[in-house]
Amino acid sequence: MVRIAQVCHRYSPNVGGVERHVQEIAEMLAERHEVEVISADLAGGLPPSEVIKGVKVTRLRSLSPGEAYFFAPSIRSYLKKGGFDVVHAHNYHAFPALFAALACDREKFVFTPHYHGVGSTPLRNLLNRPYRKIGSRIFEVADRIICVSQYERRLVARDFGFEEKIEVIPNGINLDDIKRAEPFEVEGMLILYIGRLDRYKNVDRVVEAMEHLPEDFRFFIGGTGIYQNDLKRMAERLNLTDRVKLLGFVSEEDKYRWMKSCDLFVNLSSVEAFGMTVLEALAAGAPAVVNAAGGLGEFSERFGGVSAVRPEDISSEELAHSMRISIGRVVEGDLESYDWRRIVENIEDIYNNLL
C-alpha cells in the first residue's frame, strides 16, 4: 500500500474542474492505497479534517481573495512531517502546488498543472508574469508532469520546458452513471451549458445568439459564479426570460439528466485546458459547439458531432447559425478510453514506475 497525498486549492463539497478531477482520482486510489487530500479551503463551516468515501481530507487556512490564489504556506510544513510516498499536486494557478513542491525531498513528486497559459482576468493575467519565475520551480522539482490535453502539453513545453517529463492523461468521465441517467421532459429544442459562471466562459454570447433562434429554442444555464446576476439581467434586457433559464447549482445526478435531455451542449470558454463537461455531454449523446481555442478545440478533432467556433470573431447571428446546424449531428468517437477507472489506472502506473 502506497501513502499518497493529493494537494489542491479546494476539494469537495466545493465544485469545479480541478476539484472534480482530484476527487475522482482520490476516491478510486483509496480503494487500494492510503490517500489524503490536503486542500487550502478551511472556511465556510467546513471541518479541518474528515473522511469522505475512504479519503482523509485535511483542510488548511489560506489567504484567497476573490476565491483565487489560496496562499497557504502551512501546506509545506504539513507535508514535511507527513511521511508520504507520493505527493501529487494540482493547479499551477494557485499556491498550494508551489508549497507542495517546496516541501518534497525524498517523496516522489507528481504535478498536474491544469495550465491555461493566461489568467482568467486581466489582473490575474498580469500577475501570471512575475509568478512564472517562482512557479517554474514546481515543474523543476516534479518527477513527472501530467497534462490533461495535447494543447496543455504544448503550452507547458513552450513556457517552462521539461518536455521529457510530460505525459498526457486526459480527464475522465463516469460512463456508467451517464448511461443510466434518465432525461427530463423538455419542450422544444434545448441548448445547455453547465459550469462555472464567469465572464471568460462566454455564456453571454449564447444568450445574445438566442435572439436569432426560433421561439421554441430554450437555453438552460447550470452552475453558479460571479457572472450569474449579469446573465440574468442580460436575459431580462433582451426579453428572453421565458427562453433563458438559470438553473443554479446542479447536482451530478441532475447534470447527467440535463445532458441526456438537451439537443446541444455549448462551452465557449476562452480559458480551458480540457473541458470535462463537453466530454460528459458527448457521452450522453449530445452534439456540442465549443471554442476553437485552447483545449476545447481538440474535441472537434477527436469526435464527430463537435463544431468549433471562435466566439470573439463571429456575430451573434453567425453563432446562432452554427448552433442550429449542429443540432442533430451524430456523436462519434472512442469514449470508453475516457472512463475514470482507466484514467486512474494510468496515473497509478506513473506512481508505481517512480517508486
Protein backbone atom coordinates (compact mmCIF):
# COMPACT_ATOMS: atom_id res chain seq x y z
CA MET A 1 0.00 0.00 0.00
CA VAL A 2 1.32 3.43 -1.02
CA ARG A 3 0.80 6.60 1.03
CA ILE A 4 -0.40 9.24 -1.41
CA ALA A 5 -1.05 12.94 -0.84
CA GLN A 6 -3.24 14.81 -3.30
CA VAL A 7 -2.67 18.57 -2.89
CA CYS A 8 -5.15 21.07 -4.31
CA HIS A 9 -6.58 24.51 -3.64
CA ARG A 10 -10.16 23.32 -2.94
CA TYR A 11 -11.93 19.99 -2.51
CA SER A 12 -15.47 18.63 -2.26
CA PRO A 13 -18.05 19.94 -1.42
CA ASN A 14 -16.53 22.82 -3.41
CA VAL A 15 -17.11 22.27 -7.11
CA GLY A 16 -15.04 22.95 -10.20
CA GLY A 17 -12.97 21.16 -12.82
CA VAL A 18 -9.83 20.70 -10.70
CA GLU A 19 -11.89 19.82 -7.62
CA ARG A 20 -13.75 17.12 -9.54
CA HIS A 21 -10.54 15.78 -11.08
CA VAL A 22 -8.87 15.38 -7.68
CA GLN A 23 -11.97 13.85 -6.10
CA GLU A 24 -12.28 11.13 -8.75
CA ILE A 25 -8.59 10.25 -8.51
CA ALA A 26 -8.54 10.26 -4.71
CA GLU A 27 -11.64 8.13 -4.20
CA MET A 28 -10.56 5.45 -6.68
CA LEU A 29 -6.99 5.31 -5.41
CA ALA A 30 -8.33 4.98 -1.85
CA GLU A 31 -9.73 1.57 -2.79
CA ARG A 32 -6.13 0.26 -2.88
CA HIS A 33 -3.95 2.84 -1.12
CA GLU A 34 -3.83 5.25 1.81
CA VAL A 35 -4.90 8.59 0.34
CA GLU A 36 -5.04 12.01 1.95
CA VAL A 37 -6.25 15.17 0.24
CA ILE A 38 -4.64 18.36 1.53
CA SER A 39 -6.50 21.48 0.48
CA ALA A 40 -6.43 25.18 1.31
CA ASP A 41 -10.15 25.81 1.76
CA LEU A 42 -10.72 25.77 5.52
CA ALA A 43 -13.59 28.28 5.55
CA GLY A 44 -17.36 28.46 5.36
CA GLY A 45 -18.02 25.96 8.13
CA LEU A 46 -16.03 23.10 6.60
CA PRO A 47 -14.29 20.85 9.14
CA PRO A 48 -10.47 20.89 9.32
CA SER A 49 -10.38 17.12 8.97
CA GLU A 50 -12.83 14.43 7.90
CA VAL A 51 -13.04 11.21 5.91
CA ILE A 52 -15.05 11.24 2.68
CA LYS A 53 -15.55 7.91 0.88
CA GLY A 54 -12.37 6.46 2.30
CA VAL A 55 -10.29 9.58 1.66
CA LYS A 56 -8.85 11.54 4.57
CA VAL A 57 -9.42 15.24 3.84
CA THR A 58 -7.28 17.85 5.61
CA ARG A 59 -8.18 21.50 5.11
CA LEU A 60 -5.75 24.29 5.93
CA ARG A 61 -6.38 28.00 6.09
CA SER A 62 -5.34 30.24 3.23
CA LEU A 63 -5.42 33.80 2.01
CA SER A 64 -7.73 33.61 -1.01
CA PRO A 65 -9.07 36.99 -2.19
CA GLY A 66 -11.89 36.55 -4.68
CA GLU A 67 -11.56 32.76 -4.26
CA ALA A 68 -8.19 32.86 -6.00
CA TYR A 69 -4.51 32.13 -5.27
CA PHE A 70 -5.12 30.23 -1.97
CA PHE A 71 -1.84 31.30 -0.34
CA ALA A 72 -1.30 28.58 2.27
CA PRO A 73 2.32 28.23 3.45
CA SER A 74 1.22 25.76 6.14
CA ILE A 75 0.93 23.13 3.39
CA ARG A 76 4.73 22.98 3.27
CA SER A 77 5.17 22.28 6.97
CA TYR A 78 2.29 19.78 6.98
CA LEU A 79 3.82 17.77 4.13
CA LYS A 80 7.27 17.88 5.72
CA LYS A 81 6.01 15.73 8.60
CA GLY A 82 3.52 13.68 6.59
CA GLY A 83 5.65 10.68 5.58
CA PHE A 84 4.06 10.26 2.15
CA ASP A 85 5.49 8.09 -0.64
CA VAL A 86 3.98 10.16 -3.43
CA VAL A 87 2.85 13.79 -3.40
CA HIS A 88 0.62 14.70 -6.34
CA ALA A 89 -0.07 18.44 -6.59
CA HIS A 90 -2.65 20.11 -8.80
CA ASN A 91 -3.22 23.53 -10.34
CA TYR A 92 -0.36 25.84 -11.32
CA HIS A 93 -2.73 28.81 -10.95
CA ALA A 94 -2.92 28.59 -7.13
CA PHE A 95 -0.19 28.49 -4.47
CA PRO A 96 -0.76 25.05 -2.84
CA ALA A 97 1.16 23.30 -5.63
CA LEU A 98 4.16 25.57 -5.08
CA PHE A 99 4.25 24.88 -1.34
CA ALA A 100 3.94 21.16 -2.05
CA ALA A 101 6.92 21.34 -4.41
CA LEU A 102 8.98 23.19 -1.81
CA ALA A 103 8.16 20.53 0.77
CA CYS A 104 9.21 17.50 -1.25
CA ASP A 105 12.61 15.99 -0.57
CA ARG A 106 12.62 12.21 -0.64
CA GLU A 107 8.98 11.86 -1.75
CA LYS A 108 8.18 11.34 -5.41
CA PHE A 109 6.51 14.47 -6.70
CA VAL A 110 3.90 14.46 -9.49
CA PHE A 111 2.37 17.65 -10.83
CA THR A 112 -0.83 18.15 -12.85
CA PRO A 113 -0.75 21.87 -13.71
CA HIS A 114 -4.18 22.33 -15.37
CA TYR A 115 -2.26 25.13 -17.09
CA HIS A 116 -4.06 27.74 -19.20
CA GLY A 117 -1.13 29.90 -20.22
CA VAL A 118 -3.10 33.02 -19.23
CA GLY A 119 -5.11 34.22 -16.27
CA SER A 120 -8.90 34.23 -16.33
CA THR A 121 -9.00 38.02 -15.79
CA PRO A 122 -6.70 40.86 -16.98
CA LEU A 123 -5.38 41.30 -13.42
CA ARG A 124 -4.64 37.61 -12.97
CA ASN A 125 -3.02 37.56 -16.40
CA LEU A 126 -0.76 40.43 -15.32
CA LEU A 127 0.16 38.66 -12.08
CA ASN A 128 0.99 35.50 -14.03
CA ARG A 129 4.14 37.11 -15.41
CA PRO A 130 6.11 37.61 -12.18
CA TYR A 131 4.67 34.39 -10.76
CA ARG A 132 6.10 32.39 -13.67
CA LYS A 133 9.64 32.80 -12.33
CA ILE A 134 8.54 31.31 -8.99
CA GLY A 135 6.08 28.82 -10.45
CA SER A 136 8.71 27.28 -12.71
CA ARG A 137 10.12 25.73 -9.55
CA ILE A 138 7.14 23.35 -9.44
CA PHE A 139 7.98 21.97 -12.89
CA GLU A 140 11.66 21.74 -11.99
CA VAL A 141 11.00 19.70 -8.83
CA ALA A 142 8.43 17.40 -10.45
CA ASP A 143 9.46 13.82 -11.23
CA ARG A 144 6.56 13.63 -13.67
CA ILE A 145 4.24 16.25 -15.15
CA ILE A 146 0.76 15.10 -16.19
CA CYS A 147 -1.06 17.28 -18.73
CA VAL A 148 -4.74 16.71 -19.46
CA SER A 149 -4.54 17.53 -23.19
CA GLN A 150 -2.06 17.88 -26.02
CA TYR A 151 -2.88 21.58 -26.01
CA GLU A 152 -1.78 21.88 -22.38
CA ARG A 153 1.36 19.84 -23.08
CA ARG A 154 2.36 22.29 -25.82
CA LEU A 155 1.75 25.27 -23.53
CA VAL A 156 3.81 23.79 -20.69
CA ALA A 157 6.67 22.85 -23.01
CA ARG A 158 6.63 26.33 -24.57
CA ASP A 159 6.57 28.28 -21.30
CA PHE A 160 8.61 26.04 -18.98
CA GLY A 161 10.34 23.31 -20.95
CA PHE A 162 10.79 19.92 -19.21
CA GLU A 163 9.11 18.18 -22.15
CA GLU A 164 10.88 14.93 -21.28
CA LYS A 165 8.91 14.77 -18.01
CA ILE A 166 5.46 15.31 -19.54
CA GLU A 167 2.84 12.63 -20.04
CA VAL A 168 -0.68 13.29 -21.31
CA ILE A 169 -3.52 11.67 -19.37
CA PRO A 170 -6.90 13.32 -20.00
CA ASN A 171 -9.70 14.00 -17.58
CA GLY A 172 -12.22 11.20 -17.30
CA ILE A 173 -15.95 10.65 -17.13
CA ASN A 174 -18.28 8.28 -15.26
CA LEU A 175 -19.62 6.42 -18.27
CA ASP A 176 -21.90 4.06 -16.33
CA ASP A 177 -23.59 6.90 -14.43
CA ILE A 178 -24.16 8.84 -17.64
CA LYS A 179 -25.63 5.82 -19.42
CA ARG A 180 -28.04 5.16 -16.53
CA ALA A 181 -29.31 8.76 -16.35
CA GLU A 182 -32.93 9.37 -17.35
CA PRO A 183 -33.72 12.55 -19.31
CA PHE A 184 -36.09 15.24 -18.11
CA GLU A 185 -39.21 16.05 -20.10
CA VAL A 186 -38.42 19.22 -22.05
CA GLU A 187 -40.49 21.09 -24.61
CA GLY A 188 -38.90 22.43 -27.77
CA MET A 189 -35.19 22.43 -28.57
CA LEU A 190 -32.86 22.67 -25.58
CA ILE A 191 -29.39 24.21 -25.63
CA LEU A 192 -27.42 23.57 -22.43
CA TYR A 193 -24.40 24.93 -20.61
CA ILE A 194 -23.21 23.62 -17.24
CA GLY A 195 -20.15 25.01 -15.50
CA ARG A 196 -18.73 27.97 -13.64
CA LEU A 197 -20.37 31.31 -14.46
CA ASP A 198 -17.55 33.76 -15.11
CA ARG A 199 -17.02 36.31 -17.86
CA TYR A 200 -14.32 34.27 -19.64
CA LYS A 201 -16.78 31.39 -20.10
CA ASN A 202 -18.57 33.46 -22.81
CA VAL A 203 -22.02 32.24 -21.79
CA ASP A 204 -23.30 35.74 -22.61
CA ARG A 205 -22.56 35.12 -26.29
CA VAL A 206 -25.04 32.24 -26.30
CA VAL A 207 -27.67 34.40 -24.56
CA GLU A 208 -27.23 37.04 -27.27
CA ALA A 209 -27.49 34.40 -30.00
CA MET A 210 -30.88 33.27 -28.67
CA GLU A 211 -32.41 36.38 -30.29
CA HIS A 212 -31.64 34.81 -33.67
CA LEU A 213 -33.09 31.37 -32.95
CA PRO A 214 -36.74 30.26 -33.27
CA GLU A 215 -39.15 30.73 -30.37
CA ASP A 216 -39.16 27.02 -29.48
CA PHE A 217 -35.42 27.10 -28.66
CA ARG A 218 -34.52 27.24 -24.96
CA PHE A 219 -31.16 27.88 -23.30
CA PHE A 220 -30.67 26.40 -19.82
CA ILE A 221 -27.63 27.52 -17.81
CA GLY A 222 -26.46 25.30 -14.94
CA GLY A 223 -23.94 26.44 -12.35
CA THR A 224 -23.05 29.37 -10.14
CA GLY A 225 -20.45 32.13 -10.16
CA ILE A 226 -19.75 35.84 -10.10
CA TYR A 227 -21.34 36.38 -13.54
CA GLN A 228 -24.69 34.83 -12.62
CA ASN A 229 -26.55 38.10 -11.98
CA ASP A 230 -25.13 39.68 -15.14
CA LEU A 231 -26.55 36.84 -17.23
CA LYS A 232 -29.93 37.20 -15.53
CA ARG A 233 -30.00 40.94 -16.26
CA MET A 234 -28.96 40.32 -19.85
CA ALA A 235 -31.83 37.89 -20.39
CA GLU A 236 -34.24 40.45 -18.93
CA ARG A 237 -32.87 43.25 -21.12
CA LEU A 238 -33.23 41.13 -24.26
CA ASN A 239 -36.76 39.97 -23.27
CA LEU A 240 -35.57 36.37 -23.16
CA THR A 241 -36.59 35.42 -19.62
CA ASP A 242 -39.09 32.86 -20.92
CA ARG A 243 -36.41 31.19 -23.07
CA VAL A 244 -33.23 31.56 -20.98
CA LYS A 245 -33.32 29.79 -17.62
CA LEU A 246 -30.66 29.83 -14.91
CA LEU A 247 -30.77 26.51 -13.07
CA GLY A 248 -28.33 27.47 -10.31
CA PHE A 249 -26.30 24.70 -8.71
CA VAL A 250 -26.80 21.35 -10.47
CA SER A 251 -26.03 18.04 -8.74
CA GLU A 252 -24.03 15.34 -10.51
CA GLU A 253 -27.16 13.23 -10.99
CA ASP A 254 -29.18 16.10 -12.44
CA LYS A 255 -26.26 17.21 -14.59
CA TYR A 256 -26.30 13.90 -16.44
CA ARG A 257 -30.09 14.03 -16.75
CA TRP A 258 -29.93 17.50 -18.30
CA MET A 259 -27.23 16.32 -20.69
CA LYS A 260 -29.47 13.42 -21.69
CA SER A 261 -32.28 15.95 -22.25
CA CYS A 262 -30.52 18.58 -24.33
CA ASP A 263 -30.30 18.83 -28.10
CA LEU A 264 -26.99 20.71 -27.99
CA PHE A 265 -24.29 21.38 -25.40
CA VAL A 266 -22.19 24.55 -25.56
CA ASN A 267 -18.90 25.55 -23.97
CA LEU A 268 -17.29 28.66 -25.43
CA SER A 269 -14.81 29.23 -22.59
CA SER A 270 -11.71 31.11 -23.70
CA VAL A 271 -9.56 29.65 -20.89
CA GLU A 272 -9.76 25.85 -20.74
CA ALA A 273 -7.09 23.16 -20.61
CA PHE A 274 -9.61 20.35 -21.24
CA GLY A 275 -13.37 20.77 -20.70
CA MET A 276 -14.76 17.80 -18.80
CA THR A 277 -18.43 18.75 -19.22
CA VAL A 278 -18.12 18.63 -23.01
CA LEU A 279 -16.88 15.05 -22.80
CA GLU A 280 -19.73 14.15 -20.45
CA ALA A 281 -22.29 15.69 -22.82
CA LEU A 282 -20.85 13.73 -25.75
CA ALA A 283 -21.13 10.54 -23.71
CA ALA A 284 -24.80 11.44 -23.13
CA GLY A 285 -25.25 11.63 -26.90
CA ALA A 286 -25.45 15.43 -27.21
CA PRO A 287 -23.58 17.19 -30.03
CA ALA A 288 -21.58 20.21 -28.97
CA VAL A 289 -20.35 23.63 -30.04
CA VAL A 290 -17.06 24.63 -28.43
CA ASN A 291 -14.47 27.36 -28.55
CA ALA A 292 -11.86 26.52 -31.18
CA ALA A 293 -9.15 27.97 -28.94
CA GLY A 294 -7.46 26.13 -26.09
CA GLY A 295 -8.09 22.57 -25.03
CA LEU A 296 -11.73 22.64 -26.14
CA GLY A 297 -10.71 22.77 -29.80
CA GLU A 298 -9.29 19.25 -29.55
CA PHE A 299 -12.79 17.81 -29.18
CA SER A 300 -13.66 18.82 -32.74
CA GLU A 301 -10.57 16.93 -33.94
CA ARG A 302 -11.32 13.76 -31.97
CA PHE A 303 -15.10 13.43 -32.11
CA GLY A 304 -17.79 13.64 -34.71
CA GLY A 305 -20.68 15.84 -33.63
CA VAL A 306 -18.49 18.68 -32.31
CA SER A 307 -18.28 22.07 -34.02
CA ALA A 308 -15.61 24.62 -33.11
CA VAL A 309 -16.08 28.37 -33.40
CA ARG A 310 -14.16 31.47 -32.33
CA PRO A 311 -16.79 33.48 -30.43
CA GLU A 312 -14.73 36.67 -30.49
CA ASP A 313 -14.63 36.61 -34.31
CA ILE A 314 -18.27 35.92 -35.19
CA SER A 315 -21.55 37.76 -34.76
CA SER A 316 -24.42 36.58 -32.59
CA GLU A 317 -26.34 35.69 -35.72
CA GLU A 318 -23.45 33.56 -37.02
CA LEU A 319 -23.15 31.82 -33.66
CA ALA A 320 -26.88 31.08 -33.71
CA HIS A 321 -26.49 29.57 -37.17
CA SER A 322 -23.60 27.36 -36.02
CA MET A 323 -25.63 26.10 -33.08
CA ARG A 324 -28.72 25.47 -35.18
CA ILE A 325 -26.96 23.38 -37.82
CA SER A 326 -25.09 21.41 -35.14
CA ILE A 327 -28.29 20.05 -33.63
CA GLY A 328 -28.94 16.53 -34.82
CA ARG A 329 -25.33 15.73 -35.60
CA VAL A 330 -24.26 12.24 -34.52
CA VAL A 331 -21.60 11.90 -31.84
CA GLU A 332 -18.82 9.57 -32.95
CA GLY A 333 -15.51 8.62 -31.31
CA ASP A 334 -13.90 6.48 -28.62
CA LEU A 335 -15.39 7.45 -25.26
CA GLU A 336 -14.60 4.19 -23.44
CA SER A 337 -10.94 5.15 -23.07
CA TYR A 338 -12.00 8.21 -21.03
CA ASP A 339 -13.69 6.21 -18.27
CA TRP A 340 -12.32 7.39 -14.92
CA ARG A 341 -11.18 3.91 -13.91
CA ARG A 342 -8.89 3.70 -16.92
CA ILE A 343 -7.59 7.21 -16.28
CA VAL A 344 -6.78 6.41 -12.63
CA GLU A 345 -5.03 3.19 -13.64
CA ASN A 346 -2.76 5.22 -15.93
CA ILE A 347 -1.97 7.67 -13.11
CA GLU A 348 -1.32 4.79 -10.72
CA ASP A 349 1.14 3.32 -13.25
CA ILE A 350 3.12 6.58 -13.09
CA TYR A 351 3.28 6.36 -9.29
CA ASN A 352 4.42 2.75 -9.40
CA ASN A 353 7.08 3.42 -12.02
CA LEU A 354 8.51 6.27 -9.93
CA LEU A 355 8.61 4.12 -6.80
